[in-house]
C-alpha cells in the first residue's frame, strides 16, 4: 500500500460522506416542509427512520475517513502495515482489502473469538 492508494481511498470515502451529508440535509429540508403530525402522517415516521439510517451511514463514513487519515500518518511515520497488537506484519492482501486496518488477521480473529 502506498501513499497514493491511501489518498485515493480517502477521497472516495470523503466523497461518500459529503454525499450522505447532502442527502441528510435535503431530508431535513423535506421534513421541514411536511407536517410534523407523525401520529397521523405515516410519511413522518418514514422520514425519521431514513434520517436515523443516514446519520448512521454518515457516522460510519466519517470514522472510515478518520481511520484512513491515521493510516496515512502511520505510513509517513514508518509504522504502516505493523500490527498494533503483536507487532508483526499485516499481510498485503489484508491491507489491500482494509487499508486502514491496524491488526493482522491472527489478532483480529482472536479479538472476534473473545466477543
PDB file of N, CA and C in Angstrom:
ATOM      1  N   UNK A   1       0.865  -1.174   0.000  1.00  0.00           N
ATOM      2  CA  UNK A   1       0.000   0.000   0.000  1.00  0.00           C
ATOM      3  C   UNK A   1       0.905   1.228   0.000  1.00  0.00           C
ATOM      4  N   UNK A   2       0.574   2.153  -0.847  1.00  0.00           N
ATOM      5  CA  UNK A   2       1.374   3.368  -0.910  1.00  0.00           C
ATOM      6  C   UNK A   2       0.513   4.591  -0.597  1.00  0.00           C
ATOM      7  N   UNK A   3       1.179   5.717  -0.494  1.00  0.00           N
ATOM      8  CA  UNK A   3       0.522   6.975  -0.129  1.00  0.00           C
ATOM      9  C   UNK A   3      -0.593   7.335  -1.115  1.00  0.00           C
ATOM     10  N   UNK A   4      -0.351   7.125  -2.414  1.00  0.00           N
ATOM     11  CA  UNK A   4      -1.343   7.472  -3.430  1.00  0.00           C
ATOM     12  C   UNK A   4      -2.600   6.612  -3.304  1.00  0.00           C
ATOM     13  N   UNK A   5      -2.430   5.338  -3.037  1.00  0.00           N
ATOM     14  CA  UNK A   5      -3.580   4.442  -2.873  1.00  0.00           C
ATOM     15  C   UNK A   5      -4.414   4.866  -1.672  1.00  0.00           C
ATOM     16  N   UNK A   6      -3.755   5.208  -0.583  1.00  0.00           N
ATOM     17  CA  UNK A   6      -4.479   5.700   0.600  1.00  0.00           C
ATOM     18  C   UNK A   6      -5.191   7.014   0.289  1.00  0.00           C
ATOM     19  N   UNK A   7      -4.538   7.896  -0.467  1.00  0.00           N
ATOM     20  CA  UNK A   7      -5.149   9.166  -0.830  1.00  0.00           C
ATOM     21  C   UNK A   7      -6.406   8.954  -1.669  1.00  0.00           C
ATOM     22  N   UNK A   8      -6.334   8.044  -2.624  1.00  0.00           N
ATOM     23  CA  UNK A   8      -7.485   7.762  -3.486  1.00  0.00           C
ATOM     24  C   UNK A   8      -8.630   7.156  -2.664  1.00  0.00           C
ATOM     25  N   UNK A   9      -8.304   6.235  -1.783  1.00  0.00           N
ATOM     26  CA  UNK A   9      -9.325   5.608  -0.941  1.00  0.00           C
ATOM     27  C   UNK A   9      -9.958   6.641  -0.012  1.00  0.00           C
ATOM     28  N   UNK A  10      -9.140   7.517   0.553  1.00  0.00           N
ATOM     29  CA  UNK A  10      -9.670   8.556   1.440  1.00  0.00           C
ATOM     30  C   UNK A  10     -10.584   9.503   0.673  1.00  0.00           C
ATOM     31  N   UNK A  11     -10.202   9.858  -0.548  1.00  0.00           N
ATOM     32  CA  UNK A  11     -11.033  10.744  -1.372  1.00  0.00           C
ATOM     33  C   UNK A  11     -12.380  10.081  -1.677  1.00  0.00           C
ATOM     34  N   UNK A  12     -12.360   8.786  -1.953  1.00  0.00           N
ATOM     35  CA  UNK A  12     -13.606   8.048  -2.225  1.00  0.00           C
ATOM     36  C   UNK A  12     -14.518   8.075  -1.006  1.00  0.00           C
ATOM     37  N   UNK A  13     -13.956   7.833   0.152  1.00  0.00           N
ATOM     38  CA  UNK A  13     -14.742   7.825   1.389  1.00  0.00           C
ATOM     39  C   UNK A  13     -15.230   9.238   1.728  1.00  0.00           C
ATOM     40  N   UNK A  14     -14.388  10.228   1.526  1.00  0.00           N
ATOM     41  CA  UNK A  14     -14.785  11.620   1.789  1.00  0.00           C
ATOM     42  C   UNK A  14     -15.928  12.034   0.855  1.00  0.00           C
ATOM     43  N   UNK A  15     -15.878  11.600  -0.398  1.00  0.00           N
ATOM     44  CA  UNK A  15     -16.978  11.883  -1.334  1.00  0.00           C
ATOM     45  C   UNK A  15     -18.274  11.239  -0.855  1.00  0.00           C
ATOM     46  N   UNK A  16     -18.167  10.004  -0.362  1.00  0.00           N
ATOM     47  CA  UNK A  16     -19.355   9.321   0.159  1.00  0.00           C
ATOM     48  C   UNK A  16     -19.918  10.062   1.365  1.00  0.00           C
ATOM     49  N   UNK A  17     -19.048  10.545   2.238  1.00  0.00           N
ATOM     50  CA  UNK A  17     -19.501  11.298   3.414  1.00  0.00           C
ATOM     51  C   UNK A  17     -20.180  12.595   2.988  1.00  0.00           C
ATOM     52  N   UNK A  18     -19.608  13.292   1.998  1.00  0.00           N
ATOM     53  CA  UNK A  18     -20.229  14.526   1.503  1.00  0.00           C
ATOM     54  C   UNK A  18     -21.601  14.246   0.902  1.00  0.00           C
ATOM     55  N   UNK A  19     -21.700  13.176   0.141  1.00  0.00           N
ATOM     56  CA  UNK A  19     -22.971  12.808  -0.477  1.00  0.00           C
ATOM     57  C   UNK A  19     -24.022  12.478   0.586  1.00  0.00           C
ATOM     58  N   UNK A  20     -23.622  11.733   1.602  1.00  0.00           N
ATOM     59  CA  UNK A  20     -24.548  11.399   2.691  1.00  0.00           C
ATOM     60  C   UNK A  20     -24.963  12.651   3.454  1.00  0.00           C
ATOM     61  N   UNK A  21     -24.021  13.564   3.693  1.00  0.00           N
ATOM     62  CA  UNK A  21     -24.330  14.817   4.382  1.00  0.00           C
ATOM     63  C   UNK A  21     -25.340  15.619   3.557  1.00  0.00           C
ATOM     64  N   UNK A  22     -25.135  15.677   2.235  1.00  0.00           N
ATOM     65  CA  UNK A  22     -26.064  16.391   1.358  1.00  0.00           C
ATOM     66  C   UNK A  22     -27.451  15.742   1.403  1.00  0.00           C
ATOM     67  N   UNK A  23     -27.488  14.418   1.354  1.00  0.00           N
ATOM     68  CA  UNK A  23     -28.770  13.709   1.413  1.00  0.00           C
ATOM     69  C   UNK A  23     -29.471  13.947   2.749  1.00  0.00           C
ATOM     70  N   UNK A  24     -28.708  13.966   3.824  1.00  0.00           N
ATOM     71  CA  UNK A  24     -29.270  14.218   5.145  1.00  0.00           C
ATOM     72  C   UNK A  24     -29.812  15.643   5.237  1.00  0.00           C
ATOM     73  N   UNK A  25     -29.063  16.600   4.695  1.00  0.00           N
ATOM     74  CA  UNK A  25     -29.527  17.991   4.689  1.00  0.00           C
ATOM     75  C   UNK A  25     -30.794  18.136   3.849  1.00  0.00           C
ATOM     76  N   UNK A  26     -30.839  17.464   2.710  1.00  0.00           N
ATOM     77  CA  UNK A  26     -32.027  17.514   1.846  1.00  0.00           C
ATOM     78  C   UNK A  26     -33.232  16.903   2.550  1.00  0.00           C
ATOM     79  N   UNK A  27     -33.002  15.824   3.268  1.00  0.00           N
ATOM     80  CA  UNK A  27     -34.086  15.185   4.010  1.00  0.00           C
ATOM     81  C   UNK A  27     -34.593  16.110   5.113  1.00  0.00           C
ATOM     82  N   UNK A  28     -33.690  16.823   5.751  1.00  0.00           N
ATOM     83  CA  UNK A  28     -34.091  17.773   6.798  1.00  0.00           C
ATOM     84  C   UNK A  28     -34.936  18.890   6.197  1.00  0.00           C
ATOM     85  N   UNK A  29     -34.543  19.371   5.017  1.00  0.00           N
ATOM     86  CA  UNK A  29     -35.346  20.395   4.339  1.00  0.00           C
ATOM     87  C   UNK A  29     -36.730  19.858   3.984  1.00  0.00           C
ATOM     88  N   UNK A  30     -36.761  18.633   3.482  1.00  0.00           N
ATOM     89  CA  UNK A  30     -38.031  17.998   3.131  1.00  0.00           C
ATOM     90  C   UNK A  30     -38.910  17.850   4.367  1.00  0.00           C
ATOM     91  N   UNK A  31     -38.302  17.438   5.462  1.00  0.00           N
ATOM     92  CA  UNK A  31     -39.046  17.251   6.701  1.00  0.00           C
ATOM     93  C   UNK A  31     -39.605  18.583   7.201  1.00  0.00           C
ATOM     94  N   UNK A  32     -38.857  19.663   7.009  1.00  0.00           N
ATOM     95  CA  UNK A  32     -39.317  20.981   7.453  1.00  0.00           C
ATOM     96  C   UNK A  32     -40.542  21.442   6.668  1.00  0.00           C
ATOM     97  N   UNK A  33     -40.691  20.945   5.455  1.00  0.00           N
ATOM     98  CA  UNK A  33     -41.806  21.353   4.605  1.00  0.00           C
ATOM     99  C   UNK A  33     -43.047  20.477   4.777  1.00  0.00           C
ATOM    100  N   UNK A  34     -42.911  19.393   5.533  1.00  0.00           N
ATOM    101  CA  UNK A  34     -44.037  18.485   5.710  1.00  0.00           C
ATOM    102  C   UNK A  34     -44.647  18.642   7.094  1.00  0.00           C
ATOM    103  N   UNK A  35     -45.776  18.014   7.279  1.00  0.00           N
ATOM    104  CA  UNK A  35     -46.472  18.034   8.563  1.00  0.00           C
ATOM    105  C   UNK A  35     -45.629  17.349   9.626  1.00  0.00           C
ATOM    106  N   UNK A  36     -45.698  17.863  10.821  1.00  0.00           N
ATOM    107  CA  UNK A  36     -44.976  17.238  11.934  1.00  0.00           C
ATOM    108  C   UNK A  36     -45.900  16.362  12.769  1.00  0.00           C
ATOM    109  N   UNK A  37     -47.045  16.054  12.245  1.00  0.00           N
ATOM    110  CA  UNK A  37     -48.012  15.213  12.939  1.00  0.00           C
ATOM    111  C   UNK A  37     -47.725  13.754  12.602  1.00  0.00           C
ATOM    112  N   UNK A  38     -46.673  13.192  13.229  1.00  0.00           N
ATOM    113  CA  UNK A  38     -46.262  11.823  12.931  1.00  0.00           C
ATOM    114  C   UNK A  38     -47.344  10.800  13.234  1.00  0.00           C
ATOM    115  N   UNK A  39     -48.200  11.102  14.198  1.00  0.00           N
ATOM    116  CA  UNK A  39     -49.247  10.162  14.579  1.00  0.00           C
ATOM    117  C   UNK A  39     -50.219   9.916  13.423  1.00  0.00           C
ATOM    118  N   UNK A  40     -50.487  10.954  12.639  1.00  0.00           N
ATOM    119  CA  UNK A  40     -51.443  10.826  11.541  1.00  0.00           C
ATOM    120  C   UNK A  40     -50.777  10.878  10.170  1.00  0.00           C
ATOM    121  N   UNK A  41     -49.476  11.029  10.140  1.00  0.00           N
ATOM    122  CA  UNK A  41     -48.743  11.122   8.882  1.00  0.00           C
ATOM    123  C   UNK A  41     -47.748   9.971   8.800  1.00  0.00           C
ATOM    124  N   UNK A  42     -48.096   8.903   8.092  1.00  0.00           N
ATOM    125  CA  UNK A  42     -47.186   7.765   8.024  1.00  0.00           C
ATOM    126  C   UNK A  42     -45.836   8.120   7.399  1.00  0.00           C
ATOM    127  N   UNK A  43     -45.781   9.149   6.571  1.00  0.00           N
ATOM    128  CA  UNK A  43     -44.509   9.558   5.979  1.00  0.00           C
ATOM    129  C   UNK A  43     -43.582  10.172   7.025  1.00  0.00           C
ATOM    130  N   UNK A  44     -44.132  10.750   8.074  1.00  0.00           N
ATOM    131  CA  UNK A  44     -43.314  11.330   9.132  1.00  0.00           C
ATOM    132  C   UNK A  44     -42.426  10.291   9.786  1.00  0.00           C
ATOM    133  N   UNK A  45     -42.971   9.131  10.028  1.00  0.00           N
ATOM    134  CA  UNK A  45     -42.183   8.049  10.615  1.00  0.00           C
ATOM    135  C   UNK A  45     -41.117   7.595   9.625  1.00  0.00           C
ATOM    136  N   UNK A  46     -41.478   7.492   8.355  1.00  0.00           N
ATOM    137  CA  UNK A  46     -40.534   7.070   7.332  1.00  0.00           C
ATOM    138  C   UNK A  46     -39.360   8.042   7.253  1.00  0.00           C
ATOM    139  N   UNK A  47     -39.637   9.330   7.288  1.00  0.00           N
ATOM    140  CA  UNK A  47     -38.569  10.328   7.232  1.00  0.00           C
ATOM    141  C   UNK A  47     -37.671  10.210   8.459  1.00  0.00           C
ATOM    142  N   UNK A  48     -38.252   9.986   9.620  1.00  0.00           N
ATOM    143  CA  UNK A  48     -37.448   9.832  10.838  1.00  0.00           C
ATOM    144  C   UNK A  48     -36.536   8.610  10.742  1.00  0.00           C
ATOM    145  N   UNK A  49     -37.061   7.526  10.203  1.00  0.00           N
ATOM    146  CA  UNK A  49     -36.255   6.306  10.047  1.00  0.00           C
ATOM    147  C   UNK A  49     -35.149   6.544   9.025  1.00  0.00           C
ATOM    148  N   UNK A  50     -35.486   7.180   7.913  1.00  0.00           N
ATOM    149  CA  UNK A  50     -34.476   7.492   6.895  1.00  0.00           C
ATOM    150  C   UNK A  50     -33.379   8.370   7.481  1.00  0.00           C
ATOM    151  N   UNK A  51     -33.777   9.349   8.261  1.00  0.00           N
ATOM    152  CA  UNK A  51     -32.808  10.263   8.869  1.00  0.00           C
ATOM    153  C   UNK A  51     -31.859   9.499   9.797  1.00  0.00           C
ATOM    154  N   UNK A  52     -32.399   8.607  10.606  1.00  0.00           N
ATOM    155  CA  UNK A  52     -31.560   7.822  11.515  1.00  0.00           C
ATOM    156  C   UNK A  52     -30.596   6.924  10.735  1.00  0.00           C
ATOM    157  N   UNK A  53     -31.079   6.320   9.673  1.00  0.00           N
ATOM    158  CA  UNK A  53     -30.217   5.467   8.850  1.00  0.00           C
ATOM    159  C   UNK A  53     -29.103   6.278   8.203  1.00  0.00           C
ATOM    160  N   UNK A  54     -29.454   7.432   7.649  1.00  0.00           N
ATOM    161  CA  UNK A  54     -28.444   8.282   7.021  1.00  0.00           C
ATOM    162  C   UNK A  54     -27.419   8.765   8.036  1.00  0.00           C
ATOM    163  N   UNK A  55     -27.867   9.107   9.234  1.00  0.00           N
ATOM    164  CA  UNK A  55     -26.937   9.552  10.275  1.00  0.00           C
ATOM    165  C   UNK A  55     -25.952   8.443  10.620  1.00  0.00           C
ATOM    166  N   UNK A  56     -26.444   7.204  10.689  1.00  0.00           N
ATOM    167  CA  UNK A  56     -25.565   6.071  10.964  1.00  0.00           C
ATOM    168  C   UNK A  56     -24.554   5.851   9.850  1.00  0.00           C
ATOM    169  N   UNK A  57     -25.013   5.931   8.602  1.00  0.00           N
ATOM    170  CA  UNK A  57     -24.113   5.765   7.456  1.00  0.00           C
ATOM    171  C   UNK A  57     -23.082   6.887   7.400  1.00  0.00           C
ATOM    172  N   UNK A  58     -23.507   8.104   7.690  1.00  0.00           N
ATOM    173  CA  UNK A  58     -22.591   9.237   7.688  1.00  0.00           C
ATOM    174  C   UNK A  58     -21.536   9.078   8.785  1.00  0.00           C
ATOM    175  N   UNK A  59     -21.957   8.686   9.965  1.00  0.00           N
ATOM    176  CA  UNK A  59     -21.003   8.488  11.063  1.00  0.00           C
ATOM    177  C   UNK A  59     -19.974   7.421  10.696  1.00  0.00           C
ATOM    178  N   UNK A  60     -20.428   6.339  10.062  1.00  0.00           N
ATOM    179  CA  UNK A  60     -19.517   5.269   9.652  1.00  0.00           C
ATOM    180  C   UNK A  60     -18.528   5.774   8.599  1.00  0.00           C
ATOM    181  N   UNK A  61     -19.004   6.552   7.630  1.00  0.00           N
ATOM    182  CA  UNK A  61     -18.123   7.098   6.593  1.00  0.00           C
ATOM    183  C   UNK A  61     -17.101   8.052   7.205  1.00  0.00           C
ATOM    184  N   UNK A  62     -17.530   8.868   8.153  1.00  0.00           N
ATOM    185  CA  UNK A  62     -16.596   9.804   8.801  1.00  0.00           C
ATOM    186  C   UNK A  62     -15.552   9.054   9.627  1.00  0.00           C
ATOM    187  N   UNK A  63     -15.950   7.959  10.291  1.00  0.00           N
ATOM    188  CA  UNK A  63     -14.979   7.138  11.038  1.00  0.00           C
ATOM    189  C   UNK A  63     -13.972   6.510  10.078  1.00  0.00           C
ATOM    190  N   UNK A  64     -14.477   5.996   8.942  1.00  0.00           N
ATOM    191  CA  UNK A  64     -13.586   5.380   7.959  1.00  0.00           C
ATOM    192  C   UNK A  64     -12.599   6.407   7.403  1.00  0.00           C
ATOM    193  N   UNK A  65     -13.080   7.613   7.118  1.00  0.00           N
ATOM    194  CA  UNK A  65     -12.206   8.687   6.630  1.00  0.00           C
ATOM    195  C   UNK A  65     -11.121   9.000   7.665  1.00  0.00           C
ATOM    196  N   UNK A  66     -11.510   9.107   8.934  1.00  0.00           N
ATOM    197  CA  UNK A  66     -10.549   9.388  10.002  1.00  0.00           C
ATOM    198  C   UNK A  66      -9.551   8.242  10.164  1.00  0.00           C
ATOM    199  N   UNK A  67     -10.036   6.995  10.028  1.00  0.00           N
ATOM    200  CA  UNK A  67      -9.147   5.829  10.101  1.00  0.00           C
ATOM    201  C   UNK A  67      -8.119   5.864   8.972  1.00  0.00           C
ATOM    202  N   UNK A  68      -8.548   6.286   7.780  1.00  0.00           N
ATOM    203  CA  UNK A  68      -7.621   6.389   6.650  1.00  0.00           C
ATOM    204  C   UNK A  68      -6.605   7.507   6.874  1.00  0.00           C
ATOM    205  N   UNK A  69      -7.027   8.586   7.516  1.00  0.00           N
ATOM    206  CA  UNK A  69      -6.082   9.654   7.864  1.00  0.00           C
ATOM    207  C   UNK A  69      -5.012   9.126   8.822  1.00  0.00           C
ATOM    208  N   UNK A  70      -5.431   8.339   9.804  1.00  0.00           N
ATOM    209  CA  UNK A  70      -4.465   7.756  10.751  1.00  0.00           C
ATOM    210  C   UNK A  70      -3.545   6.762  10.039  1.00  0.00           C
ATOM    211  N   UNK A  71      -4.098   6.018   9.061  1.00  0.00           N
ATOM    212  CA  UNK A  71      -3.277   5.079   8.296  1.00  0.00           C
ATOM    213  C   UNK A  71      -2.205   5.842   7.514  1.00  0.00           C
ATOM    214  N   UNK A  72      -2.578   6.981   6.935  1.00  0.00           N
ATOM    215  CA  UNK A  72      -1.598   7.803   6.207  1.00  0.00           C
ATOM    216  C   UNK A  72      -0.523   8.316   7.156  1.00  0.00           C
ATOM    217  N   UNK A  73      -0.915   8.669   8.372  1.00  0.00           N
ATOM    218  CA  UNK A  73       0.061   9.106   9.375  1.00  0.00           C
ATOM    219  C   UNK A  73       1.027   7.970   9.721  1.00  0.00           C
ATOM    220  N   UNK A  74       0.484   6.744   9.867  1.00  0.00           N
ATOM    221  CA  UNK A  74       1.334   5.580  10.158  1.00  0.00           C
ATOM    222  C   UNK A  74       2.297   5.321   9.008  1.00  0.00           C
ATOM    223  N   UNK A  75       1.799   5.478   7.774  1.00  0.00           N
ATOM    224  CA  UNK A  75       2.651   5.276   6.603  1.00  0.00           C
ATOM    225  C   UNK A  75       3.803   6.284   6.619  1.00  0.00           C
ATOM    226  N   UNK A  76       3.494   7.539   6.895  1.00  0.00           N
ATOM    227  CA  UNK A  76       4.525   8.586   6.935  1.00  0.00           C
ATOM    228  C   UNK A  76       5.537   8.338   8.050  1.00  0.00           C
ATOM    229  N   UNK A  77       5.071   7.765   9.154  1.00  0.00           N
ATOM    230  CA  UNK A  77       5.947   7.523  10.304  1.00  0.00           C
ATOM    231  C   UNK A  77       6.683   6.186  10.210  1.00  0.00           C
ATOM    232  N   UNK A  78       6.344   5.383   9.199  1.00  0.00           N
ATOM    233  CA  UNK A  78       7.020   4.098   9.025  1.00  0.00           C
ATOM    234  C   UNK A  78       6.375   2.946   9.777  1.00  0.00           C
ATOM    235  N   UNK A  79       5.187   3.163  10.338  1.00  0.00           N
ATOM    236  CA  UNK A  79       4.534   2.102  11.097  1.00  0.00           C
ATOM    237  C   UNK A  79       3.359   1.452  10.391  1.00  0.00           C
ATOM    238  N   UNK A  80       3.140   1.814   9.142  1.00  0.00           N
ATOM    239  CA  UNK A  80       2.013   1.238   8.408  1.00  0.00           C
ATOM    240  C   UNK A  80       2.317  -0.222   8.090  1.00  0.00           C
ATOM    241  N   UNK A  81       1.308  -1.069   8.270  1.00  0.00           N
ATOM    242  CA  UNK A  81       1.483  -2.491   7.978  1.00  0.00           C
ATOM    243  C   UNK A  81       2.048  -3.284   9.132  1.00  0.00           C
ATOM    244  N   UNK A  82       2.156  -2.648  10.296  1.00  0.00           N
ATOM    245  CA  UNK A  82       2.641  -3.320  11.506  1.00  0.00           C
ATOM    246  C   UNK A  82       1.458  -3.462  12.454  1.00  0.00           C
ATOM    247  N   UNK A  83       1.211  -4.671  12.921  1.00  0.00           N
ATOM    248  CA  UNK A  83       0.076  -4.939  13.805  1.00  0.00           C
ATOM    249  C   UNK A  83       0.236  -4.188  15.124  1.00  0.00           C
ATOM    250  N   UNK A  84      -0.814  -3.484  15.503  1.00  0.00           N
ATOM    251  CA  UNK A  84      -0.799  -2.714  16.749  1.00  0.00           C
ATOM    252  C   UNK A  84      -0.838  -3.614  17.978  1.00  0.00           C
ATOM    253  N   UNK A  85      -1.245  -4.867  17.820  1.00  0.00           N
ATOM    254  CA  UNK A  85      -1.325  -5.781  18.974  1.00  0.00           C
ATOM    255  C   UNK A  85      -0.046  -6.584  19.169  1.00  0.00           C
ATOM    256  N   UNK A  86       0.372  -7.279  18.102  1.00  0.00           N
ATOM    257  CA  UNK A  86       1.505  -8.198  18.264  1.00  0.00           C
ATOM    258  C   UNK A  86       2.810  -7.665  17.690  1.00  0.00           C
ATOM    259  N   UNK A  87       2.738  -6.583  16.905  1.00  0.00           N
ATOM    260  CA  UNK A  87       3.939  -6.011  16.313  1.00  0.00           C
ATOM    261  C   UNK A  87       4.411  -6.715  15.056  1.00  0.00           C
ATOM    262  N   UNK A  88       3.688  -7.744  14.637  1.00  0.00           N
ATOM    263  CA  UNK A  88       4.046  -8.470  13.420  1.00  0.00           C
ATOM    264  C   UNK A  88       3.525  -7.760  12.178  1.00  0.00           C
ATOM    265  N   UNK A  89       3.903  -8.282  11.032  1.00  0.00           N
ATOM    266  CA  UNK A  89       3.451  -7.656   9.789  1.00  0.00           C
ATOM    267  C   UNK A  89       1.978  -7.954   9.500  1.00  0.00           C
ATOM    268  N   UNK A  90       1.313  -7.004   8.865  1.00  0.00           N
ATOM    269  CA  UNK A  90      -0.050  -7.202   8.381  1.00  0.00           C
ATOM    270  C   UNK A  90       0.079  -7.577   6.911  1.00  0.00           C
ATOM    271  N   UNK A  91      -0.548  -8.664   6.519  1.00  0.00           N
ATOM    272  CA  UNK A  91      -0.433  -9.159   5.145  1.00  0.00           C
ATOM    273  C   UNK A  91      -0.901  -8.112   4.135  1.00  0.00           C
ATOM    274  N   UNK A  92      -0.193  -8.049   3.010  1.00  0.00           N
ATOM    275  CA  UNK A  92      -0.551  -7.103   1.949  1.00  0.00           C
ATOM    276  C   UNK A  92      -1.992  -7.289   1.491  1.00  0.00           C
ATOM    277  N   UNK A  93      -2.453  -8.527   1.421  1.00  0.00           N
ATOM    278  CA  UNK A  93      -3.831  -8.794   0.998  1.00  0.00           C
ATOM    279  C   UNK A  93      -4.831  -8.165   1.964  1.00  0.00           C
ATOM    280  N   UNK A  94      -4.526  -8.230   3.247  1.00  0.00           N
ATOM    281  CA  UNK A  94      -5.401  -7.622   4.253  1.00  0.00           C
ATOM    282  C   UNK A  94      -5.386  -6.100   4.125  1.00  0.00           C
ATOM    283  N   UNK A  95      -4.220  -5.533   3.905  1.00  0.00           N
ATOM    284  CA  UNK A  95      -4.111  -4.085   3.742  1.00  0.00           C
ATOM    285  C   UNK A  95      -4.808  -3.611   2.471  1.00  0.00           C
ATOM    286  N   UNK A  96      -4.789  -4.438   1.435  1.00  0.00           N
ATOM    287  CA  UNK A  96      -5.494  -4.084   0.204  1.00  0.00           C
ATOM    288  C   UNK A  96      -6.997  -4.066   0.446  1.00  0.00           C
ATOM    289  N   UNK A  97      -7.484  -5.062   1.169  1.00  0.00           N
ATOM    290  CA  UNK A  97      -8.925  -5.152   1.454  1.00  0.00           C
ATOM    291  C   UNK A  97      -9.369  -4.127   2.492  1.00  0.00           C
ATOM    292  N   UNK A  98      -8.529  -3.888   3.492  1.00  0.00           N
ATOM    293  CA  UNK A  98      -8.845  -2.974   4.597  1.00  0.00           C
ATOM    294  C   UNK A  98      -7.662  -2.034   4.828  1.00  0.00           C
ATOM    295  N   UNK A  99      -7.518  -1.005   3.997  1.00  0.00           N
ATOM    296  CA  UNK A  99      -6.312  -0.170   4.069  1.00  0.00           C
ATOM    297  C   UNK A  99      -6.075   0.515   5.411  1.00  0.00           C
ATOM    298  N   UNK A 100      -7.107   0.700   6.209  1.00  0.00           N
ATOM    299  CA  UNK A 100      -6.934   1.390   7.490  1.00  0.00           C
ATOM    300  C   UNK A 100      -6.759   0.428   8.661  1.00  0.00           C
ATOM    301  N   UNK A 101      -6.721  -0.864   8.394  1.00  0.00           N
ATOM    302  CA  UNK A 101      -6.641  -1.828   9.495  1.00  0.00           C
ATOM    303  C   UNK A 101      -5.365  -1.631  10.310  1.00  0.00           C
ATOM    304  N   UNK A 102      -5.476  -1.952  11.591  1.00  0.00           N
ATOM    305  CA  UNK A 102      -4.323  -1.809  12.487  1.00  0.00           C
ATOM    306  C   UNK A 102      -3.870  -3.152  13.053  1.00  0.00           C
ATOM    307  N   UNK A 103      -4.559  -4.232  12.661  1.00  0.00           N
ATOM    308  CA  UNK A 103      -4.210  -5.545  13.211  1.00  0.00           C
ATOM    309  C   UNK A 103      -4.034  -6.577  12.111  1.00  0.00           C
ATOM    310  N   UNK A 104      -3.181  -7.547  12.378  1.00  0.00           N
ATOM    311  CA  UNK A 104      -3.009  -8.675  11.473  1.00  0.00           C
ATOM    312  C   UNK A 104      -4.244  -9.581  11.593  1.00  0.00           C
ATOM    313  N   UNK A 105      -4.381 -10.505  10.694  1.00  0.00           N
ATOM    314  CA  UNK A 105      -5.558 -11.378  10.686  1.00  0.00           C
ATOM    315  C   UNK A 105      -5.620 -12.243  11.945  1.00  0.00           C
ATOM    316  N   UNK A 106      -4.476 -12.684  12.436  1.00  0.00           N
ATOM    317  CA  UNK A 106      -4.476 -13.533  13.645  1.00  0.00           C
ATOM    318  C   UNK A 106      -5.003 -12.752  14.856  1.00  0.00           C
ATOM    319  N   UNK A 107      -4.557 -11.530  15.030  1.00  0.00           N
ATOM    320  CA  UNK A 107      -5.018 -10.728  16.164  1.00  0.00           C
ATOM    321  C   UNK A 107      -6.479 -10.329  16.001  1.00  0.00           C
ATOM    322  N   UNK A 108      -6.885 -10.001  14.771  1.00  0.00           N
ATOM    323  CA  UNK A 108      -8.280  -9.650  14.528  1.00  0.00           C
ATOM    324  C   UNK A 108      -9.182 -10.841  14.795  1.00  0.00           C
ATOM    325  N   UNK A 109      -8.757 -12.033  14.382  1.00  0.00           N
ATOM    326  CA  UNK A 109      -9.539 -13.254  14.613  1.00  0.00           C
ATOM    327  C   UNK A 109      -9.638 -13.567  16.100  1.00  0.00           C
ATOM    328  N   UNK A 110      -8.546 -13.412  16.809  1.00  0.00           N
ATOM    329  CA  UNK A 110      -8.544 -13.665  18.253  1.00  0.00           C
ATOM    330  C   UNK A 110      -9.477 -12.710  18.959  1.00  0.00           C
ATOM    331  N   UNK A 111      -9.493 -11.464  18.516  1.00  0.00           N
ATOM    332  CA  UNK A 111     -10.379 -10.462  19.116  1.00  0.00           C
ATOM    333  C   UNK A 111     -11.840 -10.828  18.907  1.00  0.00           C
ATOM    334  N   UNK A 112     -12.171 -11.312  17.716  1.00  0.00           N
ATOM    335  CA  UNK A 112     -13.561 -11.707  17.433  1.00  0.00           C
ATOM    336  C   UNK A 112     -13.973 -12.924  18.241  1.00  0.00           C
ATOM    337  N   UNK A 113     -13.058 -13.839  18.447  1.00  0.00           N
ATOM    338  CA  UNK A 113     -13.386 -15.051  19.228  1.00  0.00           C
ATOM    339  C   UNK A 113     -13.682 -14.714  20.680  1.00  0.00           C
ATOM    340  N   UNK A 114     -13.052 -13.662  21.201  1.00  0.00           N
ATOM    341  CA  UNK A 114     -13.265 -13.277  22.606  1.00  0.00           C
ATOM    342  C   UNK A 114     -14.628 -12.636  22.818  1.00  0.00           C
ATOM    343  N   UNK A 115     -15.255 -12.165  21.763  1.00  0.00           N
ATOM    344  CA  UNK A 115     -16.561 -11.492  21.914  1.00  0.00           C
ATOM    345  C   UNK A 115     -17.626 -12.455  22.151  1.00  0.00           C
TER     346      UNK A 115
END
